[in-house]
Amino acid sequence: MVRKAAEKVKAETQEREAPSPDAYLTRFVGYDLKRLFNLVQGDLTRVLGPFNLRIISYSVLSVVARSPGINQTRLAEALKLERSNLVQIVDELSARGLLTRNPIENNRRSHALLATPQGMALIEAVDLEVIAHEDKLFSDLSPSELTTLRQLLLKARQSIEQRVSTAD
């Protein structure tokens, strides 16, 4: 009986000390970023749910609210979206009365996007929840660490975007 208990303790100890099944993958920055993104995305999806917004529709409405008159081409470039995918999101937000498309003089093919008063009120309410979401998720980081994290992410993104654009 004592022997079985000792074997059980030994087996449990070995299980705890065994490397994580994904230990090899954690050596890759991209893998760690993906895991972090999955956690942040999952919680943000939960936060946006009561507002009937997805992350992408929140992003579109946020940019339109802060860039009145932006056209869909510039919006797609800013969010790194395919213009055809953006049309569906703009249609959805427009149907909900959150933004409007307005013809641009001398350019029949392009429309200026504007957040409606309802869209502005929604984005202001959602922003408070998104800020609280980020504050909660990153509360273990000091303000200095958050600044460093943002700077490093920006530097990495700009470096990679430059490499990708020159490869095309």
C-alpha atoms as a PDB file:
ATOM      1  CA  MET A   1       0.000   0.000   0.000  1.00  0.00           C
ATOM      2  CA  VAL A   2       2.820   2.373   0.887  1.00  0.00           C
ATOM      3  CA  ARG A   3       4.541   1.415  -2.313  1.00  0.00           C
ATOM      4  CA  LYS A   4       1.463   2.296  -4.406  1.00  0.00           C
ATOM      5  CA  ALA A   5       1.169   5.676  -2.661  1.00  0.00           C
ATOM      6  CA  ALA A   6       4.852   6.391  -3.293  1.00  0.00           C
ATOM      7  CA  GLU A   7       4.483   5.457  -6.960  1.00  0.00           C
ATOM      8  CA  LYS A   8       1.428   7.721  -7.264  1.00  0.00           C
ATOM      9  CA  VAL A   9       3.303  10.672  -5.719  1.00  0.00           C
ATOM     10  CA  LYS A  10       6.269  10.028  -8.005  1.00  0.00           C
ATOM     11  CA  ALA A  11       4.016   9.874 -11.091  1.00  0.00           C
ATOM     12  CA  GLU A  12       2.218  13.110 -10.111  1.00  0.00           C
ATOM     13  CA  THR A  13       5.541  14.850  -9.489  1.00  0.00           C
ATOM     14  CA  GLN A  14       6.877  13.750 -12.859  1.00  0.00           C
ATOM     15  CA  GLU A  15       3.697  14.994 -14.566  1.00  0.00           C
ATOM     16  CA  ARG A  16       4.108  18.413 -12.962  1.00  0.00           C
ATOM     17  CA  GLU A  17       7.776  18.578 -13.925  1.00  0.00           C
ATOM     18  CA  ALA A  18       7.241  17.380 -17.483  1.00  0.00           C
ATOM     19  CA  PRO A  19       7.721  20.103 -20.064  1.00  0.00           C
ATOM     20  CA  SER A  20       4.618  21.593 -21.593  1.00  0.00           C
ATOM     21  CA  PRO A  21       3.597  19.807 -24.806  1.00  0.00           C
ATOM     22  CA  ASP A  22       4.100  23.079 -26.683  1.00  0.00           C
ATOM     23  CA  ALA A  23       7.479  23.856 -25.081  1.00  0.00           C
ATOM     24  CA  TYR A  24       9.253  23.726 -28.436  1.00  0.00           C
ATOM     25  CA  LEU A  25       6.813  26.230 -29.965  1.00  0.00           C
ATOM     26  CA  THR A  26       7.244  28.755 -27.151  1.00  0.00           C
ATOM     27  CA  ARG A  27      10.683  29.575 -28.474  1.00  0.00           C
ATOM     28  CA  PHE A  28       8.995  31.372 -31.383  1.00  0.00           C
ATOM     29  CA  VAL A  29       7.887  34.970 -30.849  1.00  0.00           C
ATOM     30  CA  GLY A  30       5.012  34.476 -33.279  1.00  0.00           C
ATOM     31  CA  TYR A  31       3.666  31.557 -31.257  1.00  0.00           C
ATOM     32  CA  ASP A  32       3.734  33.551 -28.019  1.00  0.00           C
ATOM     33  CA  LEU A  33       2.059  36.494 -29.784  1.00  0.00           C
ATOM     34  CA  LYS A  34      -0.646  34.175 -31.135  1.00  0.00           C
ATOM     35  CA  ARG A  35      -1.336  32.733 -27.677  1.00  0.00           C
ATOM     36  CA  LEU A  36      -1.497  36.218 -26.183  1.00  0.00           C
ATOM     37  CA  PHE A  37      -3.740  37.410 -29.013  1.00  0.00           C
ATOM     38  CA  ASN A  38      -6.099  34.472 -28.477  1.00  0.00           C
ATOM     39  CA  LEU A  39      -6.486  35.404 -24.808  1.00  0.00           C
ATOM     40  CA  VAL A  40      -7.021  39.105 -25.507  1.00  0.00           C
ATOM     41  CA  GLN A  41      -9.354  38.398 -28.428  1.00  0.00           C
ATOM     42  CA  GLY A  42     -11.461  35.967 -26.403  1.00  0.00           C
ATOM     43  CA  ASP A  43     -11.987  38.446 -23.593  1.00  0.00           C
ATOM     44  CA  LEU A  44     -12.592  41.362 -25.969  1.00  0.00           C
ATOM     45  CA  THR A  45     -15.193  39.295 -27.830  1.00  0.00           C
ATOM     46  CA  ARG A  46     -16.961  38.774 -24.494  1.00  0.00           C
ATOM     47  CA  VAL A  47     -16.826  42.533 -23.749  1.00  0.00           C
ATOM     48  CA  LEU A  48     -18.196  43.515 -27.181  1.00  0.00           C
ATOM     49  CA  GLY A  49     -20.966  40.889 -27.211  1.00  0.00           C
ATOM     50  CA  PRO A  50     -23.562  42.895 -25.267  1.00  0.00           C
ATOM     51  CA  PHE A  51     -23.106  45.752 -27.755  1.00  0.00           C
ATOM     52  CA  ASN A  52     -23.718  43.402 -30.694  1.00  0.00           C
ATOM     53  CA  LEU A  53     -20.257  44.212 -32.079  1.00  0.00           C
ATOM     54  CA  ARG A  54     -17.438  42.033 -33.287  1.00  0.00           C
ATOM     55  CA  ILE A  55     -13.816  43.129 -32.981  1.00  0.00           C
ATOM     56  CA  ILE A  56     -13.709  44.110 -36.640  1.00  0.00           C
ATOM     57  CA  SER A  57     -16.973  46.079 -36.539  1.00  0.00           C
ATOM     58  CA  TYR A  58     -15.781  47.859 -33.389  1.00  0.00           C
ATOM     59  CA  SER A  59     -12.510  48.710 -35.163  1.00  0.00           C
ATOM     60  CA  VAL A  60     -14.310  50.058 -38.230  1.00  0.00           C
ATOM     61  CA  LEU A  61     -16.744  52.159 -36.201  1.00  0.00           C
ATOM     62  CA  SER A  62     -13.916  53.440 -34.009  1.00  0.00           C
ATOM     63  CA  VAL A  63     -11.849  54.622 -36.980  1.00  0.00           C
ATOM     64  CA  VAL A  64     -14.850  56.185 -38.742  1.00  0.00           C
ATOM     65  CA  ALA A  65     -15.874  57.999 -35.548  1.00  0.00           C
ATOM     66  CA  ARG A  66     -12.382  59.448 -35.174  1.00  0.00           C
ATOM     67  CA  SER A  67     -11.812  60.133 -38.897  1.00  0.00           C
ATOM     68  CA  PRO A  68     -15.032  61.723 -40.131  1.00  0.00           C
ATOM     69  CA  GLY A  69     -15.316  61.587 -43.905  1.00  0.00           C
ATOM     70  CA  ILE A  70     -12.788  58.774 -44.389  1.00  0.00           C
ATOM     71  CA  ASN A  71     -13.465  56.759 -47.519  1.00  0.00           C
ATOM     72  CA  GLN A  72     -13.559  52.971 -47.669  1.00  0.00           C
ATOM     73  CA  THR A  73     -10.224  52.703 -49.452  1.00  0.00           C
ATOM     74  CA  ARG A  74      -8.372  54.624 -46.738  1.00  0.00           C
ATOM     75  CA  LEU A  75     -10.283  52.754 -44.042  1.00  0.00           C
ATOM     76  CA  ALA A  76      -9.334  49.390 -45.552  1.00  0.00           C
ATOM     77  CA  GLU A  77      -5.689  50.472 -45.736  1.00  0.00           C
ATOM     78  CA  ALA A  78      -5.707  51.713 -42.137  1.00  0.00           C
ATOM     79  CA  LEU A  79      -7.132  48.450 -40.798  1.00  0.00           C
ATOM     80  CA  LYS A  80      -5.239  46.223 -43.255  1.00  0.00           C
ATOM     81  CA  LEU A  81      -8.465  44.732 -44.612  1.00  0.00           C
ATOM     82  CA  GLU A  82      -9.488  43.630 -48.054  1.00  0.00           C
ATOM     83  CA  ARG A  83     -11.795  46.310 -49.424  1.00  0.00           C
ATOM     84  CA  SER A  84     -14.374  43.668 -50.396  1.00  0.00           C
ATOM     85  CA  ASN A  85     -14.530  42.394 -46.788  1.00  0.00           C
ATOM     86  CA  LEU A  86     -14.897  45.932 -45.518  1.00  0.00           C
ATOM     87  CA  VAL A  87     -17.998  46.531 -47.652  1.00  0.00           C
ATOM     88  CA  GLN A  88     -19.932  43.898 -45.670  1.00  0.00           C
ATOM     89  CA  ILE A  89     -18.943  45.460 -42.354  1.00  0.00           C
ATOM     90  CA  VAL A  90     -19.856  48.971 -43.525  1.00  0.00           C
ATOM     91  CA  ASP A  91     -23.194  47.603 -44.794  1.00  0.00           C
ATOM     92  CA  GLU A  92     -23.846  46.001 -41.401  1.00  0.00           C
ATOM     93  CA  LEU A  93     -23.016  49.170 -39.435  1.00  0.00           C
ATOM     94  CA  SER A  94     -25.014  51.298 -41.873  1.00  0.00           C
ATOM     95  CA  ALA A  95     -28.063  49.024 -41.574  1.00  0.00           C
ATOM     96  CA  ARG A  96     -27.860  49.424 -37.792  1.00  0.00           C
ATOM     97  CA  GLY A  97     -27.882  53.212 -38.174  1.00  0.00           C
ATOM     98  CA  LEU A  98     -24.359  53.575 -36.758  1.00  0.00           C
ATOM     99  CA  LEU A  99     -22.730  55.163 -39.803  1.00  0.00           C
ATOM    100  CA  THR A 100     -23.677  56.734 -43.107  1.00  0.00           C
ATOM    101  CA  ARG A 101     -22.166  56.757 -46.578  1.00  0.00           C
ATOM    102  CA  ASN A 102     -22.170  60.187 -48.182  1.00  0.00           C
ATOM    103  CA  PRO A 103     -21.265  60.886 -51.826  1.00  0.00           C
ATOM    104  CA  ILE A 104     -18.035  62.814 -52.347  1.00  0.00           C
ATOM    105  CA  GLU A 105     -18.314  65.683 -54.805  1.00  0.00           C
ATOM    106  CA  ASN A 106     -16.536  65.057 -58.109  1.00  0.00           C
ATOM    107  CA  ASN A 107     -16.037  61.376 -57.235  1.00  0.00           C
ATOM    108  CA  ARG A 108     -19.051  59.170 -57.848  1.00  0.00           C
ATOM    109  CA  ARG A 109     -17.173  55.986 -56.961  1.00  0.00           C
ATOM    110  CA  SER A 110     -16.146  57.007 -53.444  1.00  0.00           C
ATOM    111  CA  HIS A 111     -18.194  57.770 -50.349  1.00  0.00           C
ATOM    112  CA  ALA A 112     -17.320  59.609 -47.161  1.00  0.00           C
ATOM    113  CA  LEU A 113     -18.136  57.590 -44.056  1.00  0.00           C
ATOM    114  CA  LEU A 114     -19.547  59.324 -41.001  1.00  0.00           C
ATOM    115  CA  ALA A 115     -20.603  57.960 -37.637  1.00  0.00           C
ATOM    116  CA  THR A 116     -24.191  58.865 -36.808  1.00  0.00           C
ATOM    117  CA  PRO A 117     -25.069  60.314 -33.395  1.00  0.00           C
ATOM    118  CA  GLN A 118     -26.171  56.789 -32.426  1.00  0.00           C
ATOM    119  CA  GLY A 119     -22.815  55.426 -33.641  1.00  0.00           C
ATOM    120  CA  MET A 120     -20.898  58.079 -31.692  1.00  0.00           C
ATOM    121  CA  ALA A 121     -22.847  57.306 -28.511  1.00  0.00           C
ATOM    122  CA  LEU A 122     -22.220  53.600 -28.955  1.00  0.00           C
ATOM    123  CA  ILE A 123     -18.495  53.994 -29.574  1.00  0.00           C
ATOM    124  CA  GLU A 124     -18.146  56.193 -26.484  1.00  0.00           C
ATOM    125  CA  ALA A 125     -19.878  53.573 -24.317  1.00  0.00           C
ATOM    126  CA  VAL A 126     -17.918  50.689 -25.830  1.00  0.00           C
ATOM    127  CA  ASP A 127     -14.606  52.532 -25.473  1.00  0.00           C
ATOM    128  CA  LEU A 128     -15.104  52.672 -21.702  1.00  0.00           C
ATOM    129  CA  GLU A 129     -15.569  48.902 -21.611  1.00  0.00           C
ATOM    130  CA  VAL A 130     -12.594  48.258 -23.916  1.00  0.00           C
ATOM    131  CA  ILE A 131     -10.364  50.448 -21.742  1.00  0.00           C
ATOM    132  CA  ALA A 132     -11.514  48.566 -18.633  1.00  0.00           C
ATOM    133  CA  HIS A 133     -10.880  45.263 -20.459  1.00  0.00           C
ATOM    134  CA  GLU A 134      -7.292  46.240 -21.293  1.00  0.00           C
ATOM    135  CA  ASP A 135      -6.658  47.672 -17.828  1.00  0.00           C
ATOM    136  CA  LYS A 136      -7.781  44.371 -16.293  1.00  0.00           C
ATOM    137  CA  LEU A 137      -5.850  42.108 -18.655  1.00  0.00           C
ATOM    138  CA  PHE A 138      -2.597  44.037 -18.384  1.00  0.00           C
ATOM    139  CA  SER A 139      -2.858  45.089 -14.727  1.00  0.00           C
ATOM    140  CA  ASP A 140       0.296  43.150 -13.809  1.00  0.00           C
ATOM    141  CA  LEU A 141       2.375  45.385 -16.089  1.00  0.00           C
ATOM    142  CA  SER A 142       3.573  48.761 -14.860  1.00  0.00           C
ATOM    143  CA  PRO A 143       2.895  51.870 -16.971  1.00  0.00           C
ATOM    144  CA  SER A 144       6.551  51.793 -18.018  1.00  0.00           C
ATOM    145  CA  GLU A 145       6.315  48.129 -19.032  1.00  0.00           C
ATOM    146  CA  LEU A 146       3.143  48.827 -21.041  1.00  0.00           C
ATOM    147  CA  THR A 147       4.895  51.685 -22.840  1.00  0.00           C
ATOM    148  CA  THR A 148       7.851  49.415 -23.610  1.00  0.00           C
ATOM    149  CA  LEU A 149       5.534  46.651 -24.816  1.00  0.00           C
ATOM    150  CA  ARG A 150       3.699  49.047 -27.141  1.00  0.00           C
ATOM    151  CA  GLN A 151       6.988  50.441 -28.470  1.00  0.00           C
ATOM    152  CA  LEU A 152       8.376  46.965 -29.136  1.00  0.00           C
ATOM    153  CA  LEU A 153       5.172  45.796 -30.825  1.00  0.00           C
ATOM    154  CA  LEU A 154       5.128  48.907 -33.017  1.00  0.00           C
ATOM    155  CA  LYS A 155       8.796  48.498 -33.915  1.00  0.00           C
ATOM    156  CA  ALA A 156       8.305  44.825 -34.786  1.00  0.00           C
ATOM    157  CA  ARG A 157       5.163  45.553 -36.819  1.00  0.00           C
ATOM    158  CA  GLN A 158       6.795  48.378 -38.783  1.00  0.00           C
ATOM    159  CA  SER A 159       9.877  46.271 -39.451  1.00  0.00           C
ATOM    160  CA  ILE A 160       7.831  43.323 -40.674  1.00  0.00           C
ATOM    161  CA  GLU A 161       5.513  45.529 -42.774  1.00  0.00           C
ATOM    162  CA  GLN A 162       8.546  47.056 -44.440  1.00  0.00           C
ATOM    163  CA  ARG A 163      10.019  43.637 -45.219  1.00  0.00           C
ATOM    164  CA  VAL A 164       6.710  42.369 -46.548  1.00  0.00           C
ATOM    165  CA  SER A 165       6.107  45.433 -48.727  1.00  0.00           C
ATOM    166  CA  THR A 166       9.601  45.307 -50.230  1.00  0.00           C
ATOM    167  CA  ALA A 167       9.165  41.596 -50.963  1.00  0.00           C
ATOM    168  CA  ASP A 168       6.123  42.319 -53.165  1.00  0.00           C
END
